[in-house]
Protein backbone atom coordinates (compact mmCIF):
# COMPACT_ATOMS: atom_id res chain seq x y z
CA MET A 1 135.40 82.01 109.23
CA LYS A 2 133.30 84.97 108.10
CA SER A 3 133.74 88.36 109.68
CA ILE A 4 130.82 89.70 111.68
CA ASP A 5 130.43 92.48 109.10
CA LYS A 6 129.89 89.92 106.32
CA ILE A 7 127.34 88.09 108.45
CA ILE A 8 125.43 91.33 109.12
CA THR A 9 125.50 92.18 105.40
CA ALA A 10 124.07 88.75 104.59
CA ILE A 11 121.26 89.25 107.11
CA LEU A 12 120.42 92.72 105.79
CA ASN A 13 120.26 91.28 102.28
CA HIS A 14 118.01 88.47 103.55
CA ARG A 15 120.48 85.73 102.74
CA ARG A 16 120.47 82.58 104.85
CA ILE A 17 123.22 82.35 107.46
CA ASP A 18 124.96 79.11 108.41
CA PRO A 19 125.36 77.57 111.90
CA ASP A 20 128.85 79.01 112.48
CA ASP A 21 127.47 82.47 111.71
CA ALA A 22 124.70 81.99 114.27
CA VAL A 23 127.16 81.01 117.00
CA LEU A 24 129.18 84.17 116.34
CA LEU A 25 126.04 86.29 116.69
CA TYR A 26 125.79 85.35 120.38
CA ASN A 27 128.81 87.61 120.96
CA TYR A 28 127.30 90.55 119.09
CA ASP A 29 125.69 93.70 120.43
CA ILE A 30 122.17 92.86 121.64
CA ALA A 31 120.54 96.09 120.44
CA THR A 32 121.82 95.60 116.90
CA LEU A 33 120.81 91.93 117.03
CA GLY A 34 117.30 92.99 117.94
CA ARG A 35 117.05 95.41 115.03
CA LEU A 36 118.36 92.79 112.61
CA ALA A 37 115.91 90.20 113.92
CA ASP A 38 112.97 92.57 113.66
CA SER A 39 113.88 93.34 110.04
CA CYS A 40 113.83 89.59 109.39
CA ARG A 41 110.44 89.33 111.09
CA GLU A 42 109.10 92.14 108.89
CA LYS A 43 110.17 90.26 105.76
CA ILE A 44 108.65 86.96 106.91
CA VAL A 45 105.42 88.32 108.46
CA PRO A 46 104.96 92.02 107.62
CA GLY A 47 102.91 94.30 109.81
CA ASN A 48 102.52 95.12 113.46
CA GLU A 49 100.15 92.45 114.77
CA VAL A 50 101.01 90.11 117.63
CA GLY A 51 98.79 87.08 118.09
CA PHE A 52 97.66 85.01 121.05
CA VAL A 53 95.32 82.06 121.47
CA ILE A 54 92.97 81.34 124.38
CA ASP A 55 93.82 77.78 125.34
CA ARG A 56 94.17 75.34 128.18
CA ILE A 57 96.83 72.73 128.81
CA ILE A 58 95.26 69.66 130.39
CA ASN A 59 97.88 67.47 132.03
CA TYR A 60 95.78 64.31 132.11
CA SER A 61 98.38 62.35 134.10
CA ASN A 62 101.77 62.85 135.75
CA ARG A 63 102.72 59.18 135.50
CA CYS A 64 105.68 59.09 133.11
CA VAL A 65 108.28 56.39 132.53
CA ALA A 66 110.74 58.88 131.01
CA MET A 67 111.50 60.52 134.39
CA CYS A 68 113.66 63.16 132.70
CA ASN A 69 116.30 64.85 134.82
CA PHE A 70 115.03 68.28 133.83
CA CYS A 71 111.37 67.64 134.80
CA ALA A 72 109.85 68.59 138.16
CA PHE A 73 106.34 67.43 137.24
CA HIS A 74 106.43 63.64 136.89
CA ALA A 75 105.33 61.47 139.79
CA ARG A 76 108.13 60.45 142.14
CA ALA A 77 107.74 57.99 144.99
CA GLY A 78 107.49 59.76 148.33
CA LYS A 79 107.69 63.22 146.76
CA ILE A 80 105.02 63.79 144.10
CA PRO A 81 101.90 61.58 144.20
CA PRO A 82 100.72 60.10 140.88
CA TYR A 83 97.36 60.96 139.35
CA ASP A 84 95.20 60.20 136.31
CA LEU A 85 92.32 62.50 135.42
CA THR A 86 88.98 60.87 134.70
CA MET A 87 87.21 61.64 131.44
CA ASP A 88 84.60 63.61 133.37
CA GLU A 89 87.35 65.76 134.92
CA ILE A 90 88.84 66.42 131.49
CA LEU A 91 85.46 67.40 130.07
CA GLN A 92 84.84 69.75 133.00
CA LYS A 93 88.12 71.54 132.28
CA ILE A 94 87.16 71.96 128.62
CA GLU A 95 83.75 73.33 129.62
CA GLU A 96 85.50 75.95 131.77
CA LEU A 97 87.70 76.90 128.81
CA VAL A 98 84.72 77.26 126.47
CA ALA A 99 83.00 79.49 129.04
CA ILE A 100 85.74 82.13 128.69
CA GLY A 101 85.84 81.95 124.89
CA GLY A 102 88.73 79.50 124.61
CA THR A 103 89.35 77.66 121.37
CA GLN A 104 92.26 75.24 121.89
CA VAL A 105 93.09 72.32 124.18
CA MET A 106 96.55 70.84 124.61
CA LEU A 107 96.57 67.38 126.15
CA GLN A 108 99.90 66.52 127.74
CA GLY A 109 100.59 63.55 129.95
CA GLY A 110 104.09 62.25 129.52
CA LEU A 111 104.92 58.64 128.66
CA HIS A 112 102.22 56.76 130.53
CA PRO A 113 103.23 53.28 131.72
CA GLU A 114 99.83 51.68 130.99
CA TYR A 115 97.84 53.58 128.37
CA THR A 116 97.84 52.24 124.80
CA LEU A 117 96.42 53.61 121.55
CA PRO A 118 92.76 52.59 122.17
CA HIS A 119 92.74 54.66 125.38
CA TYR A 120 93.93 57.79 123.56
CA ILE A 121 91.50 57.23 120.69
CA GLU A 122 88.60 57.01 123.12
CA MET A 123 89.82 60.12 124.96
CA VAL A 124 89.95 62.16 121.76
CA LYS A 125 86.62 60.84 120.43
CA THR A 126 84.86 61.66 123.70
CA MET A 127 86.24 65.19 123.77
CA LYS A 128 85.23 65.85 120.18
CA LYS A 129 81.77 64.37 120.78
CA HIS A 130 81.08 66.81 123.60
CA PHE A 131 83.01 69.79 122.17
CA PRO A 132 83.15 69.40 118.38
CA HIS A 133 84.41 72.95 117.79
CA ILE A 134 87.34 72.80 120.21
CA TYR A 135 90.68 72.50 118.42
CA LEU A 136 92.82 69.66 119.79
CA HIS A 137 96.52 70.56 119.48
CA SER A 138 97.71 67.71 121.64
CA PHE A 139 100.28 65.11 122.66
CA SER A 140 103.94 65.40 121.63
CA PRO A 141 106.42 63.52 119.43
CA SER A 142 107.70 61.64 122.49
CA GLU A 143 104.15 60.64 123.43
CA ILE A 144 103.41 59.55 119.85
CA VAL A 145 106.49 57.29 119.73
CA HIS A 146 105.73 55.90 123.19
CA ILE A 147 102.13 55.13 122.22
CA ALA A 148 103.39 53.32 119.11
CA GLN A 149 105.84 51.26 121.17
CA GLN A 150 103.24 50.47 123.85
CA SER A 151 100.71 49.47 121.21
CA GLY A 152 102.95 47.51 118.83
CA CYS A 153 102.24 49.71 115.84
CA SER A 154 103.92 52.35 113.72
CA ILE A 155 104.18 56.11 114.23
CA ASP A 156 101.99 56.57 111.14
CA ASP A 157 99.39 54.24 112.61
CA VAL A 158 99.22 56.34 115.79
CA VAL A 159 99.05 59.70 114.01
CA GLY A 160 96.42 58.43 111.57
CA ALA A 161 94.26 56.83 114.25
CA LEU A 162 94.31 59.92 116.47
CA GLN A 163 93.56 62.17 113.50
CA SER A 164 90.58 59.98 112.56
CA ALA A 165 89.37 60.21 116.16
CA GLY A 166 89.41 64.02 116.00
CA LEU A 167 92.95 65.21 116.75
CA ASP A 168 93.62 68.41 114.80
CA SER A 169 97.39 68.89 115.17
CA ILE A 170 100.40 67.80 117.20
CA PRO A 171 102.76 70.23 118.97
CA GLY A 172 106.40 69.52 118.18
CA ALA A 173 107.76 69.63 121.72
CA SER A 174 111.44 68.97 121.16
CA ASP A 175 113.47 69.91 124.25
CA LEU A 176 116.97 70.21 122.73
CA LEU A 177 117.51 68.35 119.45
CA VAL A 178 121.06 67.21 120.18
CA ASP A 179 121.47 63.53 120.99
CA ASP A 180 124.49 64.09 123.27
CA VAL A 181 122.39 66.43 125.42
CA ARG A 182 119.35 64.18 125.28
CA ARG A 183 121.36 61.19 126.52
CA ARG A 184 122.37 63.28 129.53
CA VAL A 185 119.06 64.91 130.48
CA SER A 186 116.34 62.64 129.02
CA PRO A 187 117.84 59.24 128.09
CA ARG A 188 114.46 57.46 128.03
CA LYS A 189 112.85 59.85 125.57
CA ILE A 190 113.06 59.86 121.80
CA THR A 191 116.14 60.49 119.70
CA VAL A 192 116.52 63.38 117.27
CA GLN A 193 115.83 60.98 114.38
CA GLN A 194 112.59 59.82 116.00
CA TRP A 195 111.49 63.43 116.47
CA CYS A 196 112.07 64.01 112.77
CA ASP A 197 110.17 60.82 111.94
CA VAL A 198 107.12 62.11 113.82
CA VAL A 199 107.26 65.47 112.01
CA ARG A 200 107.35 63.61 108.69
CA ALA A 201 104.36 61.50 109.76
CA ILE A 202 102.44 64.65 110.71
CA LYS A 203 103.22 66.00 107.23
CA ARG A 204 101.99 62.82 105.55
CA HIS A 205 98.65 63.19 107.33
CA GLY A 206 98.18 66.80 106.27
CA MET A 207 98.51 68.28 109.74
CA HIS A 208 100.73 71.06 111.06
CA THR A 209 103.02 71.32 114.06
CA THR A 210 105.32 73.63 116.00
CA ALA A 211 108.81 73.27 117.45
CA THR A 212 110.12 74.20 120.86
CA MET A 213 113.58 74.69 122.34
CA THR A 214 114.53 74.24 125.99
CA TYR A 215 117.98 75.72 126.46
CA GLY A 216 120.21 76.42 129.46
CA MET A 217 120.76 72.77 130.42
CA GLY A 218 124.54 72.91 130.22
CA GLU A 219 124.73 72.78 126.43
CA THR A 220 127.19 74.77 124.33
CA LEU A 221 126.17 77.61 122.03
CA GLY A 222 127.07 75.34 119.14
CA GLN A 223 124.59 72.76 120.41
CA ARG A 224 121.86 75.37 120.64
CA VAL A 225 122.45 76.25 117.02
CA GLU A 226 122.54 72.52 116.17
CA HIS A 227 118.98 72.39 117.50
CA LEU A 228 117.99 75.34 115.31
CA SER A 229 119.60 73.60 112.33
CA VAL A 230 117.47 70.47 112.80
CA VAL A 231 114.32 72.59 113.02
CA ARG A 232 115.22 74.63 109.93
CA GLN A 233 116.08 71.51 107.94
CA MET A 234 112.78 69.82 108.88
CA GLN A 235 110.87 72.95 107.92
CA ASP A 236 112.69 73.05 104.57
CA GLU A 237 111.62 69.44 104.06
CA THR A 238 108.02 69.57 105.31
CA GLY A 239 106.83 73.19 105.48
CA ILE A 240 104.43 72.37 108.34
CA ILE A 241 106.17 74.02 111.33
CA MET A 242 104.02 77.09 111.97
CA GLY A 243 105.64 78.42 115.13
CA PHE A 244 108.84 78.20 117.16
CA ILE A 245 108.82 78.52 120.96
CA PRO A 246 112.14 78.85 122.84
CA TRP A 247 112.28 78.97 126.62
CA SER A 248 114.93 78.70 129.29
CA PHE A 249 115.28 75.67 131.53
CA GLN A 250 113.92 76.20 135.05
CA PRO A 251 116.07 74.02 137.34
CA LYS A 252 114.23 74.32 140.68
CA GLY A 253 112.69 71.05 141.83
CA THR A 254 114.41 68.97 139.15
CA TYR A 255 117.36 66.56 139.33
CA MET A 256 119.41 69.34 137.72
CA ASP A 257 118.82 72.01 140.36
CA ASP A 258 122.55 72.80 140.49
CA VAL A 259 122.39 74.30 136.97
CA VAL A 260 122.70 78.09 136.92
CA PRO A 261 119.57 79.50 135.20
CA ALA A 262 120.02 81.31 131.90
CA THR A 263 119.88 85.11 132.02
CA GLY A 264 117.41 87.49 130.44
CA ILE A 265 120.08 88.73 128.04
CA ASP A 266 120.68 85.13 127.00
CA TYR A 267 116.97 84.73 126.31
CA LEU A 268 116.75 87.87 124.19
CA LYS A 269 119.81 86.89 122.17
CA THR A 270 118.35 83.43 121.64
CA ILE A 271 115.07 84.94 120.44
CA ALA A 272 116.85 87.26 117.99
CA ILE A 273 119.18 84.57 116.64
CA ALA A 274 116.28 82.13 116.27
CA ARG A 275 114.37 84.68 114.20
CA ILE A 276 117.41 85.39 111.99
CA PHE A 277 118.33 81.72 111.55
CA LEU A 278 114.82 80.27 111.15
CA ASP A 279 114.03 82.20 108.00
CA ASN A 280 111.35 79.68 107.00
CA ILE A 281 109.13 79.69 110.12
CA PRO A 282 106.53 82.48 110.27
CA TYR A 283 105.71 82.76 113.98
CA LEU A 284 108.14 83.13 116.87
CA HIS A 285 106.63 83.05 120.35
CA ALA A 286 107.66 85.33 123.21
CA GLY A 287 108.00 83.12 126.29
CA TRP A 288 106.07 84.99 128.98
CA LEU A 289 105.44 81.81 130.98
CA THR A 290 109.09 81.09 131.82
CA GLU A 291 110.70 84.48 131.18
CA GLY A 292 108.06 86.83 132.62
CA MET A 293 106.09 89.60 130.98
CA ALA A 294 108.86 92.23 130.90
CA LEU A 295 111.24 90.08 128.84
CA ALA A 296 108.40 88.83 126.66
CA GLN A 297 107.50 92.41 125.84
CA ILE A 298 111.09 93.23 124.87
CA ALA A 299 111.16 90.09 122.73
CA LEU A 300 108.41 91.64 120.60
CA ALA A 301 111.01 94.17 119.43
CA MET A 302 113.56 91.41 118.72
CA GLY A 303 111.77 89.25 116.20
CA ALA A 304 108.98 87.63 118.21
CA ASN A 305 105.48 88.12 116.81
CA ASP A 306 103.25 85.88 118.92
CA MET A 307 102.48 85.58 122.64
CA GLY A 308 101.39 81.95 122.45
CA GLY A 309 98.54 80.89 124.69
CA ILE A 310 96.74 82.45 127.62
CA LEU A 311 97.23 79.00 129.22
CA MET A 312 94.18 78.82 131.47
CA GLU A 313 95.88 75.87 133.16
CA GLU A 314 99.57 74.90 133.21
CA LYS A 315 101.29 72.58 135.68
CA VAL A 316 104.64 71.46 134.29
CA VAL A 317 106.44 74.81 134.55
CA LYS A 318 104.65 75.63 137.80
CA ALA A 319 106.17 72.50 139.29
CA THR A 320 109.57 74.25 139.10
CA GLY A 321 108.30 77.15 141.21
CA VAL A 322 107.63 79.55 138.31
CA ASN A 323 104.07 80.78 138.72
CA THR A 324 103.52 83.37 135.98
CA THR A 325 99.89 83.74 134.91
CA THR A 326 98.09 86.11 132.56
CA ASN A 327 94.74 87.03 131.07
CA ILE A 328 93.42 88.70 127.93
CA ASN A 329 93.58 92.23 129.33
CA GLU A 330 97.19 91.87 130.47
CA ILE A 331 98.32 90.26 127.21
CA CYS A 332 96.68 93.08 125.23
CA ASP A 333 98.28 95.75 127.45
CA ILE A 334 101.72 94.17 127.01
CA ILE A 335 101.31 94.05 123.23
CA ILE A 336 99.92 97.59 122.94
CA ASN A 337 102.65 99.04 125.14
CA ALA A 338 105.19 97.38 122.86
CA GLY A 339 103.73 99.43 120.00
CA LYS A 340 101.95 96.45 118.47
CA ILE A 341 98.35 95.44 117.72
CA PRO A 342 96.86 92.56 119.76
CA LEU A 343 95.23 89.80 117.73
CA GLN A 344 93.30 86.89 119.13
CA ARG A 345 93.96 84.04 116.71
CA ASP A 346 92.99 80.46 116.16
CA SER A 347 95.32 77.47 116.25
CA LYS A 348 96.31 77.97 112.62
CA TYR A 349 97.32 81.59 113.32
CA LYS A 350 94.23 82.97 111.57
CA PRO A 351 92.60 86.11 113.03
CA ILE A 352 89.58 85.78 115.32
CA ARG A 353 89.46 89.27 116.85
CA ARG A 354 91.61 92.39 116.67
CA PHE A 355 91.95 94.72 119.65
CA ALA A 356 92.43 98.23 118.31
C-alpha cells in the first residue's frame, strides 16, 4: 500500500491514482484535498469560469416498473397517484422554458409499463417539430434498455431511432455502478454491464453523455471508488462523457428512510476525490439541488467547475422533501462570490453568455 505522501506526490505531478489510493484519500485532510482537486481542475479545464445551463426536466410520467427502493417519486398504490402527461402538456412546458431563454429539455419518466419505441419516437418528433432549436438531452440508460426490451429490439436500434427522430444526447444517469449495491436498492434496473453497453451505443451514434453518482445508500468507500473506476474506464474507452454529477442519497419518503443521510463533509470529499480520480472528464458539477447552495459554492473551490442546470422544473428530488430552487441571478451571485466567472453555456458546454 502506498503512503499518503506518495499519493499526494503523484497527484501534484498529475499522475493517475489507482482505486486504493482514492479510498485512502477519504481519510485525508479536507482542506488539502480541496487544494489538490482544484489544481487537477486547473490542469483539465484552465481558467476561472463556472458554467450553467437553463433547462427544464419534464417528468412525463411517474409510472415505473422498476420501483427502486431509493425512489420517492414513482407511483405507489394508495400513496402516490400515477400520471402521464399529454403531448400538449409537454409542449406547454417547453414553451414556458423558451420564454425565459432556456435551451435544454431533459425528458425523464422511469421504466413505463406500456410505452414502446414508437411512442417515444413520436414524442421526440413532435417536440422537435414545434421547437426545432431546443436541445433534447433526454431519457437514461435504464430507460433505453427498458424501451429495447419492451419493443423487442436492440439498444442500438433504440438509440439510432431516437437520434433520427431528433434526440440530441442521452444523460448517463447511473446511480451507483456496483452490481452488489444495485441488487439491493434497484434490482429491476439495469446491470453495470448494460449501463456500459448503452454508453458504447451512444458513442457509436456520435452522441455525448454524462455520468452521475448517487452515494450514501449504505455502500462502502471502496464501492464508491468502484463506481468512479467504471466511469473512468468507460471514458478512457469512449471519450464521450462530458460531465460528472455526484449527489447524496435523500432517504425521506423512500423505502430506505432508515438510512442516515451523508454529511456535507462527505459530499465535499467525494467531489474532491472525483475530480482527482476522474482525470479524463472535463466538467464536474456542484450539486446545489441536493446539497444546497452553501455546499455547492464550497465545491467550486474543490474541483467542481459547473453548476449544472437552473432546473425550471424538477420533481424526483422534491419527492424526498428537498425543495431547493434557484434562478439565474442567484446562480451568478453564488459563482461570483466564490471568486469565479459565471458562464451560461449550451448542452455541449460551449459559451452562450458571460456575466462579468
